[in-house]
Every structure is written in structure tokens, then in C-alpha cells.
Amino acid sequence: MPKEVERVYAIADNLSSHRGTDVLLFMLAHPRWEMVFQPKYAAYLNLIEPWWKILRSLALAGRRFETWDEVTEAIAQATAYWNAHRHPFHWGQRRRHRPRRQPGVALLPKAA
């Protein structure tokens, strides 16, 4: 980071290793760095979470690997496939396959 930057914010999820001794010692040694933690139970703010879900479904789900090379090859193939068939992520849009929920706790059947 350039010396001109006064404050550096590191945004992290609440994984316990982000609060480990090494991280705390780094923060003490580098006072211009500040850790900003995402709120708990807000995984939707962490954009890596959707990618892990896609990666698991494309590369890892239902497969058994004998060697580490097989794992890396499966991940490379899944990443190449995803990059070839990418589409933009739109915040706040519903998935096409989910029907829109009606408001209310329970709905009465419609009278004919």
C-alpha cells in the first residue's frame, strides 16, 4: 500500500482465524490498518459465499477424488466452464425458479 494512504480497511467475515493472535499482532504493528467485520448472519454481504456454492455444485458435489491433482483439475474445469457461461449478478433480484411469496401468515382459499 502506498505510504500516502492514511487508513486501510480490511473487510472480513467473522471466521475465528481473523481474530487470531497473528492477526492481532499485525494490527498492533500496523496502526493504519483497521479490521471491519461483517455483521453476523449476513452471509449475503460476503460475495465469496455464492461463488463457493457454485464451485461446490460444479466441481465437488457427488465426486470422490483420489489425489490432489484431481481436485485442482476439477476446480480448473469448473472455473473455465463458469467463465465461459458467466452472467451478471444482480442485487435484489429474485431467482427465476422461486415463486414470489404472498404476504401474510396464512392465506384463505379464494372463493369461486
PDB file of N, CA and C in Angstrom:
ATOM      1  N   MET A   1       0.836  -1.182   0.000  1.00  0.00           N
ATOM      2  CA  MET A   1       0.000   0.000   0.000  1.00  0.00           C
ATOM      3  C   MET A   1       0.878   1.241   0.000  1.00  0.00           C
ATOM      4  N   PRO A   2       0.495   2.227  -0.790  1.00  0.00           N
ATOM      5  CA  PRO A   2       1.285   3.472  -0.804  1.00  0.00           C
ATOM      6  C   PRO A   2       1.291   4.143   0.567  1.00  0.00           C
ATOM      7  N   LYS A   3       2.379   4.799   0.871  1.00  0.00           N
ATOM      8  CA  LYS A   3       2.517   5.486   2.169  1.00  0.00           C
ATOM      9  C   LYS A   3       1.535   6.644   2.303  1.00  0.00           C
ATOM     10  N   GLU A   4       1.038   7.176   1.162  1.00  0.00           N
ATOM     11  CA  GLU A   4       0.116   8.313   1.205  1.00  0.00           C
ATOM     12  C   GLU A   4      -1.251   7.931   1.775  1.00  0.00           C
ATOM     13  N   VAL A   5      -1.577   6.650   1.715  1.00  0.00           N
ATOM     14  CA  VAL A   5      -2.878   6.189   2.205  1.00  0.00           C
ATOM     15  C   VAL A   5      -2.831   6.184   3.730  1.00  0.00           C
ATOM     16  N   GLU A   6      -3.697   6.989   4.338  1.00  0.00           N
ATOM     17  CA  GLU A   6      -3.681   7.107   5.800  1.00  0.00           C
ATOM     18  C   GLU A   6      -4.343   5.924   6.489  1.00  0.00           C
ATOM     19  N   ARG A   7      -5.441   5.443   5.912  1.00  0.00           N
ATOM     20  CA  ARG A   7      -6.228   4.400   6.564  1.00  0.00           C
ATOM     21  C   ARG A   7      -6.515   3.295   5.556  1.00  0.00           C
ATOM     22  N   VAL A   8      -6.316   2.053   5.980  1.00  0.00           N
ATOM     23  CA  VAL A   8      -6.611   0.891   5.144  1.00  0.00           C
ATOM     24  C   VAL A   8      -7.621   0.037   5.894  1.00  0.00           C
ATOM     25  N   TYR A   9      -8.749  -0.217   5.253  1.00  0.00           N
ATOM     26  CA  TYR A   9      -9.802  -1.018   5.876  1.00  0.00           C
ATOM     27  C   TYR A   9      -9.780  -2.413   5.270  1.00  0.00           C
ATOM     28  N   ALA A  10      -9.650  -3.406   6.114  1.00  0.00           N
ATOM     29  CA  ALA A  10      -9.713  -4.796   5.689  1.00  0.00           C
ATOM     30  C   ALA A  10     -11.075  -5.331   6.103  1.00  0.00           C
ATOM     31  N   ILE A  11     -11.902  -5.665   5.126  1.00  0.00           N
ATOM     32  CA  ILE A  11     -13.247  -6.166   5.411  1.00  0.00           C
ATOM     33  C   ILE A  11     -13.171  -7.683   5.506  1.00  0.00           C
ATOM     34  N   ALA A  12     -13.644  -8.216   6.612  1.00  0.00           N
ATOM     35  CA  ALA A  12     -13.528  -9.655   6.853  1.00  0.00           C
ATOM     36  C   ALA A  12     -14.844 -10.198   7.401  1.00  0.00           C
ATOM     37  N   ASP A  13     -15.048 -11.495   7.181  1.00  0.00           N
ATOM     38  CA  ASP A  13     -16.193 -12.133   7.813  1.00  0.00           C
ATOM     39  C   ASP A  13     -15.792 -12.503   9.241  1.00  0.00           C
ATOM     40  N   ASN A  14     -16.642 -13.207   9.948  1.00  0.00           N
ATOM     41  CA  ASN A  14     -16.400 -13.468  11.364  1.00  0.00           C
ATOM     42  C   ASN A  14     -15.730 -14.811  11.627  1.00  0.00           C
ATOM     43  N   LEU A  15     -14.938 -15.285  10.687  1.00  0.00           N
ATOM     44  CA  LEU A  15     -14.188 -16.513  10.890  1.00  0.00           C
ATOM     45  C   LEU A  15     -13.242 -16.310  12.065  1.00  0.00           C
ATOM     46  N   SER A  16     -13.161 -17.277  12.945  1.00  0.00           N
ATOM     47  CA  SER A  16     -12.377 -17.098  14.169  1.00  0.00           C
ATOM     48  C   SER A  16     -10.904 -16.840  13.885  1.00  0.00           C
ATOM     49  N   SER A  17     -10.368 -17.357  12.780  1.00  0.00           N
ATOM     50  CA  SER A  17      -8.951 -17.117  12.486  1.00  0.00           C
ATOM     51  C   SER A  17      -8.664 -15.648  12.183  1.00  0.00           C
ATOM     52  N   HIS A  18      -9.678 -14.875  11.816  1.00  0.00           N
ATOM     53  CA  HIS A  18      -9.476 -13.449  11.569  1.00  0.00           C
ATOM     54  C   HIS A  18      -9.281 -12.667  12.856  1.00  0.00           C
ATOM     55  N   ARG A  19      -9.502 -13.321  13.966  1.00  0.00           N
ATOM     56  CA  ARG A  19      -9.293 -12.685  15.266  1.00  0.00           C
ATOM     57  C   ARG A  19      -8.150 -13.362  16.028  1.00  0.00           C
ATOM     58  N   GLY A  20      -7.344 -14.121  15.311  1.00  0.00           N
ATOM     59  CA  GLY A  20      -6.245 -14.867  15.921  1.00  0.00           C
ATOM     60  C   GLY A  20      -5.101 -13.982  16.370  1.00  0.00           C
ATOM     61  N   THR A  21      -4.172 -14.584  17.072  1.00  0.00           N
ATOM     62  CA  THR A  21      -3.037 -13.857  17.634  1.00  0.00           C
ATOM     63  C   THR A  21      -2.203 -13.188  16.544  1.00  0.00           C
ATOM     64  N   ASP A  22      -1.944 -13.918  15.448  1.00  0.00           N
ATOM     65  CA  ASP A  22      -1.134 -13.342  14.371  1.00  0.00           C
ATOM     66  C   ASP A  22      -1.793 -12.095  13.782  1.00  0.00           C
ATOM     67  N   VAL A  23      -3.112 -12.154  13.613  1.00  0.00           N
ATOM     68  CA  VAL A  23      -3.826 -11.006  13.052  1.00  0.00           C
ATOM     69  C   VAL A  23      -3.782  -9.832  14.029  1.00  0.00           C
ATOM     70  N   LEU A  24      -3.995 -10.108  15.309  1.00  0.00           N
ATOM     71  CA  LEU A  24      -3.952  -9.040  16.313  1.00  0.00           C
ATOM     72  C   LEU A  24      -2.565  -8.405  16.395  1.00  0.00           C
ATOM     73  N   LEU A  25      -1.523  -9.222  16.303  1.00  0.00           N
ATOM     74  CA  LEU A  25      -0.164  -8.677  16.325  1.00  0.00           C
ATOM     75  C   LEU A  25       0.113  -7.832  15.080  1.00  0.00           C
ATOM     76  N   PHE A  26      -0.395  -8.264  13.930  1.00  0.00           N
ATOM     77  CA  PHE A  26      -0.252  -7.467  12.713  1.00  0.00           C
ATOM     78  C   PHE A  26      -0.946  -6.126  12.876  1.00  0.00           C
ATOM     79  N   MET A  27      -2.146  -6.141  13.443  1.00  0.00           N
ATOM     80  CA  MET A  27      -2.904  -4.902  13.614  1.00  0.00           C
ATOM     81  C   MET A  27      -2.188  -3.942  14.567  1.00  0.00           C
ATOM     82  N   LEU A  28      -1.564  -4.480  15.595  1.00  0.00           N
ATOM     83  CA  LEU A  28      -0.797  -3.626  16.515  1.00  0.00           C
ATOM     84  C   LEU A  28       0.441  -3.045  15.839  1.00  0.00           C
ATOM     85  N   ALA A  29       1.079  -3.831  14.982  1.00  0.00           N
ATOM     86  CA  ALA A  29       2.297  -3.371  14.311  1.00  0.00           C
ATOM     87  C   ALA A  29       1.997  -2.405  13.162  1.00  0.00           C
ATOM     88  N   HIS A  30       0.775  -2.434  12.642  1.00  0.00           N
ATOM     89  CA  HIS A  30       0.401  -1.591  11.505  1.00  0.00           C
ATOM     90  C   HIS A  30      -0.860  -0.800  11.865  1.00  0.00           C
ATOM     91  N   PRO A  31      -0.699   0.318  12.577  1.00  0.00           N
ATOM     92  CA  PRO A  31      -1.859   1.042  13.093  1.00  0.00           C
ATOM     93  C   PRO A  31      -2.755   1.679  12.030  1.00  0.00           C
ATOM     94  N   ARG A  32      -2.292   1.850  10.805  1.00  0.00           N
ATOM     95  CA  ARG A  32      -3.172   2.436   9.791  1.00  0.00           C
ATOM     96  C   ARG A  32      -4.165   1.423   9.239  1.00  0.00           C
ATOM     97  N   TRP A  33      -3.966   0.148   9.537  1.00  0.00           N
ATOM     98  CA  TRP A  33      -4.900  -0.895   9.119  1.00  0.00           C
ATOM     99  C   TRP A  33      -6.006  -1.042  10.153  1.00  0.00           C
ATOM    100  N   GLU A  34      -7.219  -1.214   9.683  1.00  0.00           N
ATOM    101  CA  GLU A  34      -8.363  -1.430  10.579  1.00  0.00           C
ATOM    102  C   GLU A  34      -9.211  -2.570  10.037  1.00  0.00           C
ATOM    103  N   MET A  35      -9.547  -3.494  10.896  1.00  0.00           N
ATOM    104  CA  MET A  35     -10.407  -4.617  10.509  1.00  0.00           C
ATOM    105  C   MET A  35     -11.863  -4.184  10.666  1.00  0.00           C
ATOM    106  N   VAL A  36     -12.645  -4.430   9.649  1.00  0.00           N
ATOM    107  CA  VAL A  36     -14.083  -4.167   9.681  1.00  0.00           C
ATOM    108  C   VAL A  36     -14.761  -5.511   9.458  1.00  0.00           C
ATOM    109  N   PHE A  37     -15.520  -5.946  10.448  1.00  0.00           N
ATOM    110  CA  PHE A  37     -16.157  -7.259  10.370  1.00  0.00           C
ATOM    111  C   PHE A  37     -17.593  -7.123   9.882  1.00  0.00           C
ATOM    112  N   GLN A  38     -17.981  -8.044   9.016  1.00  0.00           N
ATOM    113  CA  GLN A  38     -19.362  -8.067   8.543  1.00  0.00           C
ATOM    114  C   GLN A  38     -20.270  -8.472   9.695  1.00  0.00           C
ATOM    115  N   PRO A  39     -21.513  -8.038   9.657  1.00  0.00           N
ATOM    116  CA  PRO A  39     -22.444  -8.459  10.715  1.00  0.00           C
ATOM    117  C   PRO A  39     -22.637  -9.971  10.678  1.00  0.00           C
ATOM    118  N   LYS A  40     -22.800 -10.545  11.846  1.00  0.00           N
ATOM    119  CA  LYS A  40     -23.081 -11.985  11.900  1.00  0.00           C
ATOM    120  C   LYS A  40     -24.428 -12.254  11.247  1.00  0.00           C
ATOM    121  N   TYR A  41     -24.561 -13.419  10.673  1.00  0.00           N
ATOM    122  CA  TYR A  41     -25.783 -13.849   9.981  1.00  0.00           C
ATOM    123  C   TYR A  41     -26.079 -12.958   8.771  1.00  0.00           C
ATOM    124  N   ALA A  42     -25.042 -12.456   8.115  1.00  0.00           N
ATOM    125  CA  ALA A  42     -25.230 -11.653   6.912  1.00  0.00           C
ATOM    126  C   ALA A  42     -24.314 -12.172   5.811  1.00  0.00           C
ATOM    127  N   ALA A  43     -24.376 -13.470   5.572  1.00  0.00           N
ATOM    128  CA  ALA A  43     -23.501 -14.081   4.568  1.00  0.00           C
ATOM    129  C   ALA A  43     -23.753 -13.514   3.180  1.00  0.00           C
ATOM    130  N   TYR A  44     -24.945 -12.979   2.935  1.00  0.00           N
ATOM    131  CA  TYR A  44     -25.250 -12.420   1.619  1.00  0.00           C
ATOM    132  C   TYR A  44     -24.369 -11.211   1.303  1.00  0.00           C
ATOM    133  N   LEU A  45     -23.753 -10.595   2.322  1.00  0.00           N
ATOM    134  CA  LEU A  45     -22.852  -9.478   2.087  1.00  0.00           C
ATOM    135  C   LEU A  45     -21.474  -9.942   1.621  1.00  0.00           C
ATOM    136  N   ASN A  46     -21.162 -11.185   1.878  1.00  0.00           N
ATOM    137  CA  ASN A  46     -19.870 -11.741   1.514  1.00  0.00           C
ATOM    138  C   ASN A  46     -20.008 -12.389   0.145  1.00  0.00           C
ATOM    139  N   LEU A  47     -19.529 -11.729  -0.905  1.00  0.00           N
ATOM    140  CA  LEU A  47     -19.740 -12.211  -2.265  1.00  0.00           C
ATOM    141  C   LEU A  47     -18.976 -13.479  -2.592  1.00  0.00           C
ATOM    142  N   ILE A  48     -18.089 -13.930  -1.704  1.00  0.00           N
ATOM    143  CA  ILE A  48     -17.423 -15.199  -1.959  1.00  0.00           C
ATOM    144  C   ILE A  48     -18.365 -16.371  -1.683  1.00  0.00           C
ATOM    145  N   GLU A  49     -19.375 -16.154  -0.837  1.00  0.00           N
ATOM    146  CA  GLU A  49     -20.296 -17.250  -0.493  1.00  0.00           C
ATOM    147  C   GLU A  49     -21.041 -17.801  -1.705  1.00  0.00           C
ATOM    148  N   PRO A  50     -21.610 -16.958  -2.589  1.00  0.00           N
ATOM    149  CA  PRO A  50     -22.242 -17.528  -3.781  1.00  0.00           C
ATOM    150  C   PRO A  50     -21.253 -18.275  -4.669  1.00  0.00           C
ATOM    151  N   TRP A  51     -20.017 -17.779  -4.734  1.00  0.00           N
ATOM    152  CA  TRP A  51     -19.023 -18.469  -5.554  1.00  0.00           C
ATOM    153  C   TRP A  51     -18.706 -19.834  -4.983  1.00  0.00           C
ATOM    154  N   TRP A  52     -18.587 -19.971  -3.655  1.00  0.00           N
ATOM    155  CA  TRP A  52     -18.330 -21.286  -3.056  1.00  0.00           C
ATOM    156  C   TRP A  52     -19.474 -22.238  -3.373  1.00  0.00           C
ATOM    157  N   LYS A  53     -20.696 -21.745  -3.329  1.00  0.00           N
ATOM    158  CA  LYS A  53     -21.854 -22.589  -3.638  1.00  0.00           C
ATOM    159  C   LYS A  53     -21.782 -23.089  -5.078  1.00  0.00           C
ATOM    160  N   ILE A  54     -21.444 -22.203  -6.002  1.00  0.00           N
ATOM    161  CA  ILE A  54     -21.336 -22.582  -7.419  1.00  0.00           C
ATOM    162  C   ILE A  54     -20.178 -23.551  -7.611  1.00  0.00           C
ATOM    163  N   LEU A  55     -19.047 -23.264  -6.989  1.00  0.00           N
ATOM    164  CA  LEU A  55     -17.886 -24.130  -7.135  1.00  0.00           C
ATOM    165  C   LEU A  55     -18.173 -25.533  -6.604  1.00  0.00           C
ATOM    166  N   ARG A  56     -18.826 -25.608  -5.444  1.00  0.00           N
ATOM    167  CA  ARG A  56     -19.170 -26.929  -4.900  1.00  0.00           C
ATOM    168  C   ARG A  56     -20.070 -27.698  -5.855  1.00  0.00           C
ATOM    169  N   SER A  57     -21.065 -27.010  -6.422  1.00  0.00           N
ATOM    170  CA  SER A  57     -22.003 -27.715  -7.294  1.00  0.00           C
ATOM    171  C   SER A  57     -21.356 -28.113  -8.618  1.00  0.00           C
ATOM    172  N   LEU A  58     -20.464 -27.295  -9.158  1.00  0.00           N
ATOM    173  CA  LEU A  58     -19.845 -27.602 -10.445  1.00  0.00           C
ATOM    174  C   LEU A  58     -18.669 -28.571 -10.338  1.00  0.00           C
ATOM    175  N   ALA A  59     -17.884 -28.469  -9.287  1.00  0.00           N
ATOM    176  CA  ALA A  59     -16.630 -29.221  -9.234  1.00  0.00           C
ATOM    177  C   ALA A  59     -16.593 -30.325  -8.195  1.00  0.00           C
ATOM    178  N   LEU A  60     -17.271 -30.139  -7.081  1.00  0.00           N
ATOM    179  CA  LEU A  60     -17.031 -31.035  -5.953  1.00  0.00           C
ATOM    180  C   LEU A  60     -18.190 -31.944  -5.582  1.00  0.00           C
ATOM    181  N   ALA A  61     -19.412 -31.528  -5.859  1.00  0.00           N
ATOM    182  CA  ALA A  61     -20.585 -32.278  -5.388  1.00  0.00           C
ATOM    183  C   ALA A  61     -20.652 -33.664  -6.018  1.00  0.00           C
ATOM    184  N   GLY A  62     -20.819 -34.676  -5.182  1.00  0.00           N
ATOM    185  CA  GLY A  62     -21.009 -36.040  -5.644  1.00  0.00           C
ATOM    186  C   GLY A  62     -19.779 -36.700  -6.230  1.00  0.00           C
ATOM    187  N   ARG A  63     -18.615 -36.155  -5.982  1.00  0.00           N
ATOM    188  CA  ARG A  63     -17.391 -36.716  -6.547  1.00  0.00           C
ATOM    189  C   ARG A  63     -16.443 -37.134  -5.444  1.00  0.00           C
ATOM    190  N   ARG A  64     -15.624 -38.114  -5.777  1.00  0.00           N
ATOM    191  CA  ARG A  64     -14.590 -38.583  -4.850  1.00  0.00           C
ATOM    192  C   ARG A  64     -13.254 -38.457  -5.561  1.00  0.00           C
ATOM    193  N   PHE A  65     -12.317 -37.834  -4.902  1.00  0.00           N
ATOM    194  CA  PHE A  65     -11.012 -37.586  -5.504  1.00  0.00           C
ATOM    195  C   PHE A  65      -9.970 -38.443  -4.811  1.00  0.00           C
ATOM    196  N   GLU A  66      -9.089 -39.022  -5.604  1.00  0.00           N
ATOM    197  CA  GLU A  66      -8.015 -39.859  -5.067  1.00  0.00           C
ATOM    198  C   GLU A  66      -6.740 -39.051  -4.817  1.00  0.00           C
ATOM    199  N   THR A  67      -6.517 -38.017  -5.631  1.00  0.00           N
ATOM    200  CA  THR A  67      -5.289 -37.226  -5.493  1.00  0.00           C
ATOM    201  C   THR A  67      -5.628 -35.736  -5.491  1.00  0.00           C
ATOM    202  N   TRP A  68      -4.669 -34.956  -5.023  1.00  0.00           N
ATOM    203  CA  TRP A  68      -4.838 -33.508  -5.009  1.00  0.00           C
ATOM    204  C   TRP A  68      -4.899 -32.963  -6.434  1.00  0.00           C
ATOM    205  N   ASP A  69      -4.168 -33.596  -7.347  1.00  0.00           N
ATOM    206  CA  ASP A  69      -4.198 -33.170  -8.750  1.00  0.00           C
ATOM    207  C   ASP A  69      -5.597 -33.297  -9.336  1.00  0.00           C
ATOM    208  N   GLU A  70      -6.349 -34.318  -8.944  1.00  0.00           N
ATOM    209  CA  GLU A  70      -7.729 -34.468  -9.419  1.00  0.00           C
ATOM    210  C   GLU A  70      -8.609 -33.327  -8.919  1.00  0.00           C
ATOM    211  N   VAL A  71      -8.390 -32.908  -7.687  1.00  0.00           N
ATOM    212  CA  VAL A  71      -9.160 -31.790  -7.116  1.00  0.00           C
ATOM    213  C   VAL A  71      -8.849 -30.510  -7.876  1.00  0.00           C
ATOM    214  N   THR A  72      -7.569 -30.222  -8.077  1.00  0.00           N
ATOM    215  CA  THR A  72      -7.203 -28.985  -8.776  1.00  0.00           C
ATOM    216  C   THR A  72      -7.690 -28.993 -10.218  1.00  0.00           C
ATOM    217  N   GLU A  73      -7.679 -30.154 -10.877  1.00  0.00           N
ATOM    218  CA  GLU A  73      -8.180 -30.239 -12.246  1.00  0.00           C
ATOM    219  C   GLU A  73      -9.693 -30.009 -12.293  1.00  0.00           C
ATOM    220  N   ALA A  74     -10.432 -30.581 -11.336  1.00  0.00           N
ATOM    221  CA  ALA A  74     -11.887 -30.384 -11.282  1.00  0.00           C
ATOM    222  C   ALA A  74     -12.220 -28.916 -11.049  1.00  0.00           C
ATOM    223  N   ILE A  75     -11.467 -28.261 -10.183  1.00  0.00           N
ATOM    224  CA  ILE A  75     -11.704 -26.836  -9.908  1.00  0.00           C
ATOM    225  C   ILE A  75     -11.349 -25.992 -11.133  1.00  0.00           C
ATOM    226  N   ALA A  76     -10.262 -26.332 -11.815  1.00  0.00           N
ATOM    227  CA  ALA A  76      -9.877 -25.585 -13.021  1.00  0.00           C
ATOM    228  C   ALA A  76     -10.937 -25.740 -14.112  1.00  0.00           C
ATOM    229  N   GLN A  77     -11.468 -26.946 -14.290  1.00  0.00           N
ATOM    230  CA  GLN A  77     -12.506 -27.166 -15.299  1.00  0.00           C
ATOM    231  C   GLN A  77     -13.788 -26.422 -14.937  1.00  0.00           C
ATOM    232  N   ALA A  78     -14.169 -26.453 -13.659  1.00  0.00           N
ATOM    233  CA  ALA A  78     -15.386 -25.756 -13.222  1.00  0.00           C
ATOM    234  C   ALA A  78     -15.230 -24.248 -13.391  1.00  0.00           C
ATOM    235  N   THR A  79     -14.052 -23.723 -13.084  1.00  0.00           N
ATOM    236  CA  THR A  79     -13.816 -22.295 -13.240  1.00  0.00           C
ATOM    237  C   THR A  79     -13.852 -21.893 -14.710  1.00  0.00           C
ATOM    238  N   ALA A  80     -13.260 -22.714 -15.573  1.00  0.00           N
ATOM    239  CA  ALA A  80     -13.285 -22.425 -17.010  1.00  0.00           C
ATOM    240  C   ALA A  80     -14.716 -22.458 -17.538  1.00  0.00           C
ATOM    241  N   TYR A  81     -15.494 -23.434 -17.076  1.00  0.00           N
ATOM    242  CA  TYR A  81     -16.898 -23.519 -17.500  1.00  0.00           C
ATOM    243  C   TYR A  81     -17.668 -22.279 -17.043  1.00  0.00           C
ATOM    244  N   TRP A  82     -17.489 -21.898 -15.771  1.00  0.00           N
ATOM    245  CA  TRP A  82     -18.215 -20.754 -15.232  1.00  0.00           C
ATOM    246  C   TRP A  82     -17.837 -19.466 -15.968  1.00  0.00           C
ATOM    247  N   ASN A  83     -16.558 -19.301 -16.282  1.00  0.00           N
ATOM    248  CA  ASN A  83     -16.115 -18.108 -17.008  1.00  0.00           C
ATOM    249  C   ASN A  83     -16.674 -18.083 -18.424  1.00  0.00           C
ATOM    250  N   ALA A  84     -16.828 -19.240 -19.047  1.00  0.00           N
ATOM    251  CA  ALA A  84     -17.380 -19.300 -20.404  1.00  0.00           C
ATOM    252  C   ALA A  84     -18.888 -19.055 -20.412  1.00  0.00           C
ATOM    253  N   HIS A  85     -19.563 -19.331 -19.302  1.00  0.00           N
ATOM    254  CA  HIS A  85     -21.017 -19.194 -19.214  1.00  0.00           C
ATOM    255  C   HIS A  85     -21.413 -18.185 -18.139  1.00  0.00           C
ATOM    256  N   ARG A  86     -20.620 -17.165 -17.965  1.00  0.00           N
ATOM    257  CA  ARG A  86     -20.878 -16.204 -16.880  1.00  0.00           C
ATOM    258  C   ARG A  86     -22.075 -15.315 -17.209  1.00  0.00           C
ATOM    259  N   HIS A  87     -22.646 -14.818 -16.152  1.00  0.00           N
ATOM    260  CA  HIS A  87     -23.751 -13.878 -16.279  1.00  0.00           C
ATOM    261  C   HIS A  87     -23.677 -12.938 -15.078  1.00  0.00           C
ATOM    262  N   PRO A  88     -24.155 -11.730 -15.231  1.00  0.00           N
ATOM    263  CA  PRO A  88     -24.006 -10.749 -14.149  1.00  0.00           C
ATOM    264  C   PRO A  88     -24.839 -11.108 -12.920  1.00  0.00           C
ATOM    265  N   PHE A  89     -24.337 -10.676 -11.783  1.00  0.00           N
ATOM    266  CA  PHE A  89     -25.052 -10.850 -10.530  1.00  0.00           C
ATOM    267  C   PHE A  89     -25.835  -9.574 -10.267  1.00  0.00           C
ATOM    268  N   HIS A  90     -27.118  -9.699 -10.039  1.00  0.00           N
ATOM    269  CA  HIS A  90     -27.969  -8.536  -9.797  1.00  0.00           C
ATOM    270  C   HIS A  90     -28.464  -8.572  -8.348  1.00  0.00           C
ATOM    271  N   TRP A  91     -28.058  -7.572  -7.572  1.00  0.00           N
ATOM    272  CA  TRP A  91     -28.512  -7.473  -6.192  1.00  0.00           C
ATOM    273  C   TRP A  91     -30.015  -7.238  -6.161  1.00  0.00           C
ATOM    274  N   GLY A  92     -30.692  -7.924  -5.262  1.00  0.00           N
ATOM    275  CA  GLY A  92     -32.097  -7.663  -5.016  1.00  0.00           C
ATOM    276  C   GLY A  92     -33.051  -8.329  -5.987  1.00  0.00           C
ATOM    277  N   GLN A  93     -32.555  -9.053  -6.955  1.00  0.00           N
ATOM    278  CA  GLN A  93     -33.467  -9.728  -7.876  1.00  0.00           C
ATOM    279  C   GLN A  93     -33.701 -11.150  -7.405  1.00  0.00           C
ATOM    280  N   ARG A  94     -34.926 -11.597  -7.584  1.00  0.00           N
ATOM    281  CA  ARG A  94     -35.278 -12.947  -7.178  1.00  0.00           C
ATOM    282  C   ARG A  94     -34.804 -13.937  -8.227  1.00  0.00           C
ATOM    283  N   ARG A  95     -34.561 -15.146  -7.776  1.00  0.00           N
ATOM    284  CA  ARG A  95     -34.216 -16.201  -8.721  1.00  0.00           C
ATOM    285  C   ARG A  95     -35.443 -16.557  -9.527  1.00  0.00           C
ATOM    286  N   ARG A  96     -35.227 -16.910 -10.774  1.00  0.00           N
ATOM    287  CA  ARG A  96     -36.354 -17.183 -11.661  1.00  0.00           C
ATOM    288  C   ARG A  96     -37.182 -18.386 -11.225  1.00  0.00           C
ATOM    289  N   HIS A  97     -36.557 -19.379 -10.614  1.00  0.00           N
ATOM    290  CA  HIS A  97     -37.287 -20.598 -10.275  1.00  0.00           C
ATOM    291  C   HIS A  97     -38.058 -20.514  -8.956  1.00  0.00           C
ATOM    292  N   ARG A  98     -37.901 -19.442  -8.219  1.00  0.00           N
ATOM    293  CA  ARG A  98     -38.633 -19.298  -6.957  1.00  0.00           C
ATOM    294  C   ARG A  98     -39.894 -18.463  -7.171  1.00  0.00           C
ATOM    295  N   PRO A  99     -41.052 -19.001  -6.805  1.00  0.00           N
ATOM    296  CA  PRO A  99     -42.262 -18.187  -6.929  1.00  0.00           C
ATOM    297  C   PRO A  99     -42.271 -17.076  -5.876  1.00  0.00           C
ATOM    298  N   ARG A 100     -42.889 -15.990  -6.200  1.00  0.00           N
ATOM    299  CA  ARG A 100     -42.988 -14.877  -5.265  1.00  0.00           C
ATOM    300  C   ARG A 100     -43.938 -15.261  -4.141  1.00  0.00           C
ATOM    301  N   ARG A 101     -43.508 -15.010  -2.899  1.00  0.00           N
ATOM    302  CA  ARG A 101     -44.333 -15.329  -1.732  1.00  0.00           C
ATOM    303  C   ARG A 101     -45.404 -14.268  -1.552  1.00  0.00           C
ATOM    304  N   GLN A 102     -46.564 -14.722  -1.142  1.00  0.00           N
ATOM    305  CA  GLN A 102     -47.656 -13.810  -0.852  1.00  0.00           C
ATOM    306  C   GLN A 102     -47.504 -13.292   0.576  1.00  0.00           C
ATOM    307  N   PRO A 103     -47.908 -12.057   0.830  1.00  0.00           N
ATOM    308  CA  PRO A 103     -47.789 -11.523   2.192  1.00  0.00           C
ATOM    309  C   PRO A 103     -48.781 -12.208   3.128  1.00  0.00           C
ATOM    310  N   GLY A 104     -48.460 -12.209   4.381  1.00  0.00           N
ATOM    311  CA  GLY A 104     -49.377 -12.768   5.397  1.00  0.00           C
ATOM    312  C   GLY A 104     -48.891 -14.104   5.906  1.00  0.00           C
ATOM    313  N   VAL A 105     -49.424 -14.483   7.070  1.00  0.00           N
ATOM    314  CA  VAL A 105     -49.035 -15.749   7.690  1.00  0.00           C
ATOM    315  C   VAL A 105     -49.730 -16.900   6.981  1.00  0.00           C
ATOM    316  N   ALA A 106     -51.018 -16.791   6.790  1.00  0.00           N
ATOM    317  CA  ALA A 106     -51.779 -17.843   6.120  1.00  0.00           C
ATOM    318  C   ALA A 106     -52.797 -17.184   5.209  1.00  0.00           C
ATOM    319  N   LEU A 107     -53.000 -17.778   4.087  1.00  0.00           N
ATOM    320  CA  LEU A 107     -53.957 -17.229   3.145  1.00  0.00           C
ATOM    321  C   LEU A 107     -55.147 -18.154   3.040  1.00  0.00           C
ATOM    322  N   LEU A 108     -56.310 -17.562   2.982  1.00  0.00           N
ATOM    323  CA  LEU A 108     -57.542 -18.333   2.806  1.00  0.00           C
ATOM    324  C   LEU A 108     -57.687 -18.681   1.344  1.00  0.00           C
ATOM    325  N   PRO A 109     -58.298 -19.822   1.030  1.00  0.00           N
ATOM    326  CA  PRO A 109     -58.511 -20.155  -0.378  1.00  0.00           C
ATOM    327  C   PRO A 109     -59.431 -19.133  -1.022  1.00  0.00           C
ATOM    328  N   LYS A 110     -59.203 -18.869  -2.295  1.00  0.00           N
ATOM    329  CA  LYS A 110     -60.034 -17.916  -3.000  1.00  0.00           C
ATOM    330  C   LYS A 110     -61.405 -18.510  -3.271  1.00  0.00           C
ATOM    331  N   ALA A 111     -62.444 -17.709  -3.005  1.00  0.00           N
ATOM    332  CA  ALA A 111     -63.817 -18.178  -3.255  1.00  0.00           C
ATOM    333  C   ALA A 111     -64.101 -18.114  -4.744  1.00  0.00           C
ATOM    334  N   ALA A 112     -64.805 -19.129  -5.234  1.00  0.00           N
ATOM    335  CA  ALA A 112     -65.116 -19.170  -6.658  1.00  0.00           C
ATOM    336  C   ALA A 112     -66.277 -18.288  -7.003  1.00  0.00           C
TER     337      ALA A 112
END
